[in-house]
mmCIF file of all heavy atoms, coordinates in Angstrom:
data_MODEL
# 
_entry.id   MODEL 
# 
loop_
_atom_site.group_PDB 
_atom_site.id 
_atom_site.type_symbol 
_atom_site.label_atom_id 
_atom_site.label_alt_id 
_atom_site.label_comp_id 
_atom_site.label_asym_id 
_atom_site.label_entity_id 
_atom_site.label_seq_id 
_atom_site.pdbx_PDB_ins_code 
_atom_site.Cartn_x 
_atom_site.Cartn_y 
_atom_site.Cartn_z 
_atom_site.occupancy 
_atom_site.B_iso_or_equiv 
_atom_site.pdbx_formal_charge 
_atom_site.auth_seq_id 
_atom_site.auth_comp_id 
_atom_site.auth_asym_id 
_atom_site.auth_atom_id 
_atom_site.pdbx_PDB_model_num 
ATOM 1   N N   . THR A 1 1  ? 13.114 2.814   8.723   1.00 0.00 ? 1  THR A N   1 
ATOM 2   C CA  . THR A 1 1  ? 12.231 2.678   7.567   1.00 0.00 ? 1  THR A CA  1 
ATOM 3   C C   . THR A 1 1  ? 12.011 1.217   7.218   1.00 0.00 ? 1  THR A C   1 
ATOM 4   O O   . THR A 1 1  ? 10.904 0.778   6.921   1.00 0.00 ? 1  THR A O   1 
ATOM 5   C CB  . THR A 1 1  ? 12.819 3.421   6.356   1.00 0.00 ? 1  THR A CB  1 
ATOM 6   O OG1 . THR A 1 1  ? 12.939 4.802   6.670   1.00 0.00 ? 1  THR A OG1 1 
ATOM 7   C CG2 . THR A 1 1  ? 11.941 3.249   5.126   1.00 0.00 ? 1  THR A CG2 1 
ATOM 8   N N   . THR A 1 2  ? 13.082 0.429   7.240   1.00 0.00 ? 2  THR A N   1 
ATOM 9   C CA  . THR A 1 2  ? 12.978 -0.996  6.936   1.00 0.00 ? 2  THR A CA  1 
ATOM 10  C C   . THR A 1 2  ? 12.092 -1.702  7.942   1.00 0.00 ? 2  THR A C   1 
ATOM 11  O O   . THR A 1 2  ? 11.245 -2.521  7.587   1.00 0.00 ? 2  THR A O   1 
ATOM 12  C CB  . THR A 1 2  ? 14.378 -1.652  6.927   1.00 0.00 ? 2  THR A CB  1 
ATOM 13  O OG1 . THR A 1 2  ? 15.182 -0.985  5.956   1.00 0.00 ? 2  THR A OG1 1 
ATOM 14  C CG2 . THR A 1 2  ? 14.279 -3.128  6.597   1.00 0.00 ? 2  THR A CG2 1 
ATOM 15  N N   . PHE A 1 3  ? 12.252 -1.367  9.252   1.00 0.00 ? 3  PHE A N   1 
ATOM 16  C CA  . PHE A 1 3  ? 11.445 -2.010  10.282  1.00 0.00 ? 3  PHE A CA  1 
ATOM 17  C C   . PHE A 1 3  ? 9.979  -1.674  10.115  1.00 0.00 ? 3  PHE A C   1 
ATOM 18  O O   . PHE A 1 3  ? 9.116  -2.532  10.169  1.00 0.00 ? 3  PHE A O   1 
ATOM 19  C CB  . PHE A 1 3  ? 11.927 -1.577  11.667  1.00 0.00 ? 3  PHE A CB  1 
ATOM 20  C CG  . PHE A 1 3  ? 11.070 -2.117  12.777  1.00 0.00 ? 3  PHE A CG  1 
ATOM 21  C CD1 . PHE A 1 3  ? 11.186 -3.429  13.185  1.00 0.00 ? 3  PHE A CD1 1 
ATOM 22  C CD2 . PHE A 1 3  ? 10.128 -1.304  13.404  1.00 0.00 ? 3  PHE A CD2 1 
ATOM 23  C CE1 . PHE A 1 3  ? 10.391 -3.931  14.196  1.00 0.00 ? 3  PHE A CE1 1 
ATOM 24  C CE2 . PHE A 1 3  ? 9.333  -1.799  14.416  1.00 0.00 ? 3  PHE A CE2 1 
ATOM 25  C CZ  . PHE A 1 3  ? 9.463  -3.111  14.824  1.00 0.00 ? 3  PHE A CZ  1 
ATOM 26  N N   . LEU A 1 4  ? 9.696  -0.389  9.872   1.00 0.00 ? 4  LEU A N   1 
ATOM 27  C CA  . LEU A 1 4  ? 8.307  0.026   9.736   1.00 0.00 ? 4  LEU A CA  1 
ATOM 28  C C   . LEU A 1 4  ? 7.672  -0.532  8.482   1.00 0.00 ? 4  LEU A C   1 
ATOM 29  O O   . LEU A 1 4  ? 6.511  -0.919  8.475   1.00 0.00 ? 4  LEU A O   1 
ATOM 30  C CB  . LEU A 1 4  ? 8.232  1.558   9.735   1.00 0.00 ? 4  LEU A CB  1 
ATOM 31  C CG  . LEU A 1 4  ? 8.547  2.228   11.076  1.00 0.00 ? 4  LEU A CG  1 
ATOM 32  C CD1 . LEU A 1 4  ? 8.648  3.737   10.898  1.00 0.00 ? 4  LEU A CD1 1 
ATOM 33  C CD2 . LEU A 1 4  ? 7.494  1.880   12.122  1.00 0.00 ? 4  LEU A CD2 1 
ATOM 34  N N   . SER A 1 5  ? 8.427  -0.597  7.372   1.00 0.00 ? 5  SER A N   1 
ATOM 35  C CA  . SER A 1 5  ? 7.862  -1.139  6.147   1.00 0.00 ? 5  SER A CA  1 
ATOM 36  C C   . SER A 1 5  ? 7.595  -2.624  6.289   1.00 0.00 ? 5  SER A C   1 
ATOM 37  O O   . SER A 1 5  ? 6.709  -3.162  5.647   1.00 0.00 ? 5  SER A O   1 
ATOM 38  C CB  . SER A 1 5  ? 8.806  -0.883  4.962   1.00 0.00 ? 5  SER A CB  1 
ATOM 39  O OG  . SER A 1 5  ? 10.026 -1.600  5.136   1.00 0.00 ? 5  SER A OG  1 
ATOM 40  N N   . ALA A 1 6  ? 8.357  -3.279  7.153   1.00 0.00 ? 6  ALA A N   1 
ATOM 41  C CA  . ALA A 1 6  ? 8.131  -4.702  7.359   1.00 0.00 ? 6  ALA A CA  1 
ATOM 42  C C   . ALA A 1 6  ? 6.800  -4.964  8.041   1.00 0.00 ? 6  ALA A C   1 
ATOM 43  O O   . ALA A 1 6  ? 6.269  -6.067  7.963   1.00 0.00 ? 6  ALA A O   1 
ATOM 44  C CB  . ALA A 1 6  ? 9.270  -5.285  8.201   1.00 0.00 ? 6  ALA A CB  1 
ATOM 45  N N   . GLN A 1 7  ? 6.258  -3.952  8.708   1.00 0.00 ? 7  GLN A N   1 
ATOM 46  C CA  . GLN A 1 7  ? 4.999  -4.135  9.391   1.00 0.00 ? 7  GLN A CA  1 
ATOM 47  C C   . GLN A 1 7  ? 3.780  -3.999  8.469   1.00 0.00 ? 7  GLN A C   1 
ATOM 48  O O   . GLN A 1 7  ? 2.649  -4.209  8.887   1.00 0.00 ? 7  GLN A O   1 
ATOM 49  C CB  . GLN A 1 7  ? 4.872  -3.103  10.528  1.00 0.00 ? 7  GLN A CB  1 
ATOM 50  C CG  . GLN A 1 7  ? 6.111  -2.974  11.414  1.00 0.00 ? 7  GLN A CG  1 
ATOM 51  C CD  . GLN A 1 7  ? 6.567  -4.301  11.987  1.00 0.00 ? 7  GLN A CD  1 
ATOM 52  O OE1 . GLN A 1 7  ? 5.795  -5.002  12.616  1.00 0.00 ? 7  GLN A OE1 1 
ATOM 53  N NE2 . GLN A 1 7  ? 7.833  -4.650  11.766  1.00 0.00 ? 7  GLN A NE2 1 
ATOM 54  N N   . ALA A 1 8  ? 4.004  -3.580  7.235   1.00 0.00 ? 8  ALA A N   1 
ATOM 55  C CA  . ALA A 1 8  ? 2.890  -3.234  6.352   1.00 0.00 ? 8  ALA A CA  1 
ATOM 56  C C   . ALA A 1 8  ? 1.957  -4.405  6.093   1.00 0.00 ? 8  ALA A C   1 
ATOM 57  O O   . ALA A 1 8  ? 0.761  -4.220  5.892   1.00 0.00 ? 8  ALA A O   1 
ATOM 58  C CB  . ALA A 1 8  ? 3.432  -2.691  5.022   1.00 0.00 ? 8  ALA A CB  1 
ATOM 59  N N   . GLN A 1 9  ? 2.481  -5.636  6.096   1.00 0.00 ? 9  GLN A N   1 
ATOM 60  C CA  . GLN A 1 9  ? 1.658  -6.798  5.800   1.00 0.00 ? 9  GLN A CA  1 
ATOM 61  C C   . GLN A 1 9  ? 1.215  -7.545  7.052   1.00 0.00 ? 9  GLN A C   1 
ATOM 62  O O   . GLN A 1 9  ? 0.847  -8.711  6.992   1.00 0.00 ? 9  GLN A O   1 
ATOM 63  C CB  . GLN A 1 9  ? 2.415  -7.748  4.849   1.00 0.00 ? 9  GLN A CB  1 
ATOM 64  C CG  . GLN A 1 9  ? 2.553  -7.216  3.429   1.00 0.00 ? 9  GLN A CG  1 
ATOM 65  C CD  . GLN A 1 9  ? 3.601  -6.130  3.331   1.00 0.00 ? 9  GLN A CD  1 
ATOM 66  O OE1 . GLN A 1 9  ? 4.594  -6.152  4.027   1.00 0.00 ? 9  GLN A OE1 1 
ATOM 67  N NE2 . GLN A 1 9  ? 3.376  -5.171  2.451   1.00 0.00 ? 9  GLN A NE2 1 
ATOM 68  N N   . MET A 1 10 ? 1.245  -6.887  8.210   1.00 0.00 ? 10 MET A N   1 
ATOM 69  C CA  . MET A 1 10 ? 0.862  -7.527  9.456   1.00 0.00 ? 10 MET A CA  1 
ATOM 70  C C   . MET A 1 10 ? -0.641 -7.405  9.702   1.00 0.00 ? 10 MET A C   1 
ATOM 71  O O   . MET A 1 10 ? -1.298 -6.499  9.199   1.00 0.00 ? 10 MET A O   1 
ATOM 72  C CB  . MET A 1 10 ? 1.638  -6.918  10.632  1.00 0.00 ? 10 MET A CB  1 
ATOM 73  C CG  . MET A 1 10 ? 3.121  -7.219  10.623  1.00 0.00 ? 10 MET A CG  1 
ATOM 74  S SD  . MET A 1 10 ? 3.955  -6.629  12.117  1.00 0.00 ? 10 MET A SD  1 
ATOM 75  C CE  . MET A 1 10 ? 3.159  -7.630  13.369  1.00 0.00 ? 10 MET A CE  1 
ATOM 76  N N   . GLN A 1 11 ? -1.162 -8.335  10.488  1.00 0.00 ? 11 GLN A N   1 
ATOM 77  C CA  . GLN A 1 11 ? -2.591 -8.350  10.814  1.00 0.00 ? 11 GLN A CA  1 
ATOM 78  C C   . GLN A 1 11 ? -3.033 -7.006  11.384  1.00 0.00 ? 11 GLN A C   1 
ATOM 79  O O   . GLN A 1 11 ? -2.378 -6.404  12.227  1.00 0.00 ? 11 GLN A O   1 
ATOM 80  C CB  . GLN A 1 11 ? -2.880 -9.459  11.822  1.00 0.00 ? 11 GLN A CB  1 
ATOM 81  C CG  . GLN A 1 11 ? -4.345 -9.555  12.234  1.00 0.00 ? 11 GLN A CG  1 
ATOM 82  C CD  . GLN A 1 11 ? -4.588 -10.659 13.243  1.00 0.00 ? 11 GLN A CD  1 
ATOM 83  O OE1 . GLN A 1 11 ? -3.651 -11.318 13.670  1.00 0.00 ? 11 GLN A OE1 1 
ATOM 84  N NE2 . GLN A 1 11 ? -5.834 -10.868 13.602  1.00 0.00 ? 11 GLN A NE2 1 
ATOM 85  N N   . GLY A 1 12 ? -4.174 -6.515  10.890  1.00 0.00 ? 12 GLY A N   1 
ATOM 86  C CA  . GLY A 1 12 ? -4.737 -5.274  11.375  1.00 0.00 ? 12 GLY A CA  1 
ATOM 87  C C   . GLY A 1 12 ? -4.365 -4.045  10.574  1.00 0.00 ? 12 GLY A C   1 
ATOM 88  O O   . GLY A 1 12 ? -4.996 -2.991  10.720  1.00 0.00 ? 12 GLY A O   1 
ATOM 89  N N   . ASN A 1 13 ? -3.355 -4.141  9.706   1.00 0.00 ? 13 ASN A N   1 
ATOM 90  C CA  . ASN A 1 13 ? -2.968 -2.985  8.909   1.00 0.00 ? 13 ASN A CA  1 
ATOM 91  C C   . ASN A 1 13 ? -3.938 -2.777  7.748   1.00 0.00 ? 13 ASN A C   1 
ATOM 92  O O   . ASN A 1 13 ? -4.552 -3.712  7.248   1.00 0.00 ? 13 ASN A O   1 
ATOM 93  C CB  . ASN A 1 13 ? -1.554 -3.154  8.369   1.00 0.00 ? 13 ASN A CB  1 
ATOM 94  C CG  . ASN A 1 13 ? -0.502 -2.888  9.433   1.00 0.00 ? 13 ASN A CG  1 
ATOM 95  O OD1 . ASN A 1 13 ? -0.824 -2.518  10.555  1.00 0.00 ? 13 ASN A OD1 1 
ATOM 96  N ND2 . ASN A 1 13 ? 0.753  -3.083  9.086   1.00 0.00 ? 13 ASN A ND2 1 
ATOM 97  N N   . MET A 1 14 ? -4.034 -1.512  7.317   1.00 0.00 ? 14 MET A N   1 
ATOM 98  C CA  . MET A 1 14 ? -4.947 -1.157  6.232   1.00 0.00 ? 14 MET A CA  1 
ATOM 99  C C   . MET A 1 14 ? -4.202 -0.326  5.194   1.00 0.00 ? 14 MET A C   1 
ATOM 100 O O   . MET A 1 14 ? -3.130 0.223   5.467   1.00 0.00 ? 14 MET A O   1 
ATOM 101 C CB  . MET A 1 14 ? -6.136 -0.350  6.775   1.00 0.00 ? 14 MET A CB  1 
ATOM 102 C CG  . MET A 1 14 ? -6.992 -1.079  7.789   1.00 0.00 ? 14 MET A CG  1 
ATOM 103 S SD  . MET A 1 14 ? -8.375 -0.045  8.367   1.00 0.00 ? 14 MET A SD  1 
ATOM 104 C CE  . MET A 1 14 ? -9.303 0.168   6.827   1.00 0.00 ? 14 MET A CE  1 
ATOM 105 N N   . TYR A 1 15 ? -4.798 -0.225  4.018   1.00 0.00 ? 15 TYR A N   1 
ATOM 106 C CA  . TYR A 1 15 ? -4.241 0.645   2.994   1.00 0.00 ? 15 TYR A CA  1 
ATOM 107 C C   . TYR A 1 15 ? -5.371 1.182   2.117   1.00 0.00 ? 15 TYR A C   1 
ATOM 108 O O   . TYR A 1 15 ? -6.465 0.635   2.058   1.00 0.00 ? 15 TYR A O   1 
ATOM 109 C CB  . TYR A 1 15 ? -3.211 -0.085  2.122   1.00 0.00 ? 15 TYR A CB  1 
ATOM 110 C CG  . TYR A 1 15 ? -3.802 -1.092  1.163   1.00 0.00 ? 15 TYR A CG  1 
ATOM 111 C CD1 . TYR A 1 15 ? -4.330 -0.703  -0.070  1.00 0.00 ? 15 TYR A CD1 1 
ATOM 112 C CD2 . TYR A 1 15 ? -3.837 -2.442  1.490   1.00 0.00 ? 15 TYR A CD2 1 
ATOM 113 C CE1 . TYR A 1 15 ? -4.878 -1.621  -0.938  1.00 0.00 ? 15 TYR A CE1 1 
ATOM 114 C CE2 . TYR A 1 15 ? -4.388 -3.360  0.632   1.00 0.00 ? 15 TYR A CE2 1 
ATOM 115 C CZ  . TYR A 1 15 ? -4.897 -2.953  -0.590  1.00 0.00 ? 15 TYR A CZ  1 
ATOM 116 O OH  . TYR A 1 15 ? -5.452 -3.874  -1.447  1.00 0.00 ? 15 TYR A OH  1 
ATOM 117 N N   . VAL A 1 16 ? -5.075 2.268   1.439   1.00 0.00 ? 16 VAL A N   1 
ATOM 118 C CA  . VAL A 1 16 ? -5.921 2.770   0.358   1.00 0.00 ? 16 VAL A CA  1 
ATOM 119 C C   . VAL A 1 16 ? -5.031 2.897   -0.869  1.00 0.00 ? 16 VAL A C   1 
ATOM 120 O O   . VAL A 1 16 ? -3.829 3.171   -0.765  1.00 0.00 ? 16 VAL A O   1 
ATOM 121 C CB  . VAL A 1 16 ? -6.571 4.130   0.700   1.00 0.00 ? 16 VAL A CB  1 
ATOM 122 C CG1 . VAL A 1 16 ? -7.596 3.981   1.802   1.00 0.00 ? 16 VAL A CG1 1 
ATOM 123 C CG2 . VAL A 1 16 ? -5.510 5.160   1.080   1.00 0.00 ? 16 VAL A CG2 1 
ATOM 124 N N   . GLY A 1 17 ? -5.604 2.692   -2.010  1.00 0.00 ? 17 GLY A N   1 
ATOM 125 C CA  . GLY A 1 17 ? -4.815 2.756   -3.234  1.00 0.00 ? 17 GLY A CA  1 
ATOM 126 C C   . GLY A 1 17 ? -5.720 2.747   -4.440  1.00 0.00 ? 17 GLY A C   1 
ATOM 127 O O   . GLY A 1 17 ? -6.918 3.030   -4.348  1.00 0.00 ? 17 GLY A O   1 
ATOM 128 N N   . GLY A 1 18 ? -5.148 2.388   -5.562  1.00 0.00 ? 18 GLY A N   1 
ATOM 129 C CA  . GLY A 1 18 ? -5.956 2.300   -6.761  1.00 0.00 ? 18 GLY A CA  1 
ATOM 130 C C   . GLY A 1 18 ? -5.172 2.554   -8.022  1.00 0.00 ? 18 GLY A C   1 
ATOM 131 O O   . GLY A 1 18 ? -3.940 2.643   -8.009  1.00 0.00 ? 18 GLY A O   1 
ATOM 132 N N   . GLN A 1 19 ? -5.917 2.665   -9.106  1.00 0.00 ? 19 GLN A N   1 
ATOM 133 C CA  . GLN A 1 19 ? -5.336 2.862   -10.422 1.00 0.00 ? 19 GLN A CA  1 
ATOM 134 C C   . GLN A 1 19 ? -6.122 3.931   -11.164 1.00 0.00 ? 19 GLN A C   1 
ATOM 135 O O   . GLN A 1 19 ? -7.313 4.120   -10.934 1.00 0.00 ? 19 GLN A O   1 
ATOM 136 C CB  . GLN A 1 19 ? -5.392 1.560   -11.229 1.00 0.00 ? 19 GLN A CB  1 
ATOM 137 C CG  . GLN A 1 19 ? -4.784 0.357   -10.538 1.00 0.00 ? 19 GLN A CG  1 
ATOM 138 C CD  . GLN A 1 19 ? -5.079 -0.910  -11.284 1.00 0.00 ? 19 GLN A CD  1 
ATOM 139 O OE1 . GLN A 1 19 ? -4.688 -1.073  -12.434 1.00 0.00 ? 19 GLN A OE1 1 
ATOM 140 N NE2 . GLN A 1 19 ? -5.773 -1.827  -10.651 1.00 0.00 ? 19 GLN A NE2 1 
ATOM 141 N N   . ILE A 1 20 ? -5.434 4.616   -12.060 1.00 0.00 ? 20 ILE A N   1 
ATOM 142 C CA  . ILE A 1 20 ? -6.093 5.576   -12.941 1.00 0.00 ? 20 ILE A CA  1 
ATOM 143 C C   . ILE A 1 20 ? -5.412 5.492   -14.299 1.00 0.00 ? 20 ILE A C   1 
ATOM 144 O O   . ILE A 1 20 ? -4.185 5.313   -14.380 1.00 0.00 ? 20 ILE A O   1 
ATOM 145 C CB  . ILE A 1 20 ? -6.020 7.016   -12.369 1.00 0.00 ? 20 ILE A CB  1 
ATOM 146 C CG1 . ILE A 1 20 ? -6.835 7.969   -13.233 1.00 0.00 ? 20 ILE A CG1 1 
ATOM 147 C CG2 . ILE A 1 20 ? -4.585 7.484   -12.231 1.00 0.00 ? 20 ILE A CG2 1 
ATOM 148 C CD1 . ILE A 1 20 ? -7.006 9.352   -12.620 1.00 0.00 ? 20 ILE A CD1 1 
ATOM 149 N N   . GLY A 1 21 ? -6.204 5.558   -15.338 1.00 0.00 ? 21 GLY A N   1 
ATOM 150 C CA  . GLY A 1 21 ? -5.631 5.435   -16.673 1.00 0.00 ? 21 GLY A CA  1 
ATOM 151 C C   . GLY A 1 21 ? -6.355 6.317   -17.678 1.00 0.00 ? 21 GLY A C   1 
ATOM 152 O O   . GLY A 1 21 ? -7.546 6.594   -17.547 1.00 0.00 ? 21 GLY A O   1 
ATOM 153 N N   . PHE A 1 22 ? -5.612 6.784   -18.668 1.00 0.00 ? 22 PHE A N   1 
ATOM 154 C CA  . PHE A 1 22 ? -6.187 7.597   -19.735 1.00 0.00 ? 22 PHE A CA  1 
ATOM 155 C C   . PHE A 1 22 ? -5.413 7.332   -21.009 1.00 0.00 ? 22 PHE A C   1 
ATOM 156 O O   . PHE A 1 22 ? -4.180 7.268   -21.002 1.00 0.00 ? 22 PHE A O   1 
ATOM 157 C CB  . PHE A 1 22 ? -6.118 9.093   -19.391 1.00 0.00 ? 22 PHE A CB  1 
ATOM 158 C CG  . PHE A 1 22 ? -6.641 9.978   -20.492 1.00 0.00 ? 22 PHE A CG  1 
ATOM 159 C CD1 . PHE A 1 22 ? -8.004 10.130  -20.682 1.00 0.00 ? 22 PHE A CD1 1 
ATOM 160 C CD2 . PHE A 1 22 ? -5.760 10.642  -21.336 1.00 0.00 ? 22 PHE A CD2 1 
ATOM 161 C CE1 . PHE A 1 22 ? -8.485 10.940  -21.701 1.00 0.00 ? 22 PHE A CE1 1 
ATOM 162 C CE2 . PHE A 1 22 ? -6.233 11.448  -22.351 1.00 0.00 ? 22 PHE A CE2 1 
ATOM 163 C CZ  . PHE A 1 22 ? -7.609 11.602  -22.535 1.00 0.00 ? 22 PHE A CZ  1 
ATOM 164 N N   . ASN A 1 23 ? -6.137 7.161   -22.100 1.00 0.00 ? 23 ASN A N   1 
ATOM 165 C CA  . ASN A 1 23 ? -5.496 6.929   -23.383 1.00 0.00 ? 23 ASN A CA  1 
ATOM 166 C C   . ASN A 1 23 ? -6.361 7.520   -24.492 1.00 0.00 ? 23 ASN A C   1 
ATOM 167 O O   . ASN A 1 23 ? -7.581 7.377   -24.481 1.00 0.00 ? 23 ASN A O   1 
ATOM 168 C CB  . ASN A 1 23 ? -5.317 5.429   -23.622 1.00 0.00 ? 23 ASN A CB  1 
ATOM 169 C CG  . ASN A 1 23 ? -4.672 5.150   -24.972 1.00 0.00 ? 23 ASN A CG  1 
ATOM 170 O OD1 . ASN A 1 23 ? -3.541 5.550   -25.216 1.00 0.00 ? 23 ASN A OD1 1 
ATOM 171 N ND2 . ASN A 1 23 ? -5.394 4.487   -25.850 1.00 0.00 ? 23 ASN A ND2 1 
ATOM 172 N N   . THR A 1 24 ? -5.722 8.195   -25.410 1.00 0.00 ? 24 THR A N   1 
ATOM 173 C CA  . THR A 1 24 ? -6.442 8.734   -26.559 1.00 0.00 ? 24 THR A CA  1 
ATOM 174 C C   . THR A 1 24 ? -5.536 8.706   -27.769 1.00 0.00 ? 24 THR A C   1 
ATOM 175 O O   . THR A 1 24 ? -4.303 8.809   -27.646 1.00 0.00 ? 24 THR A O   1 
ATOM 176 C CB  . THR A 1 24 ? -6.927 10.177  -26.295 1.00 0.00 ? 24 THR A CB  1 
ATOM 177 O OG1 . THR A 1 24 ? -7.715 10.615  -27.413 1.00 0.00 ? 24 THR A OG1 1 
ATOM 178 C CG2 . THR A 1 24 ? -5.757 11.123  -26.101 1.00 0.00 ? 24 THR A CG2 1 
# 
């Protein structure tokens, strides 16, 4: 897991993400 997570910021890698919020 540590080795694979270390690759996350390497050239060619991609991600999807974002934020969602609600307040009333």
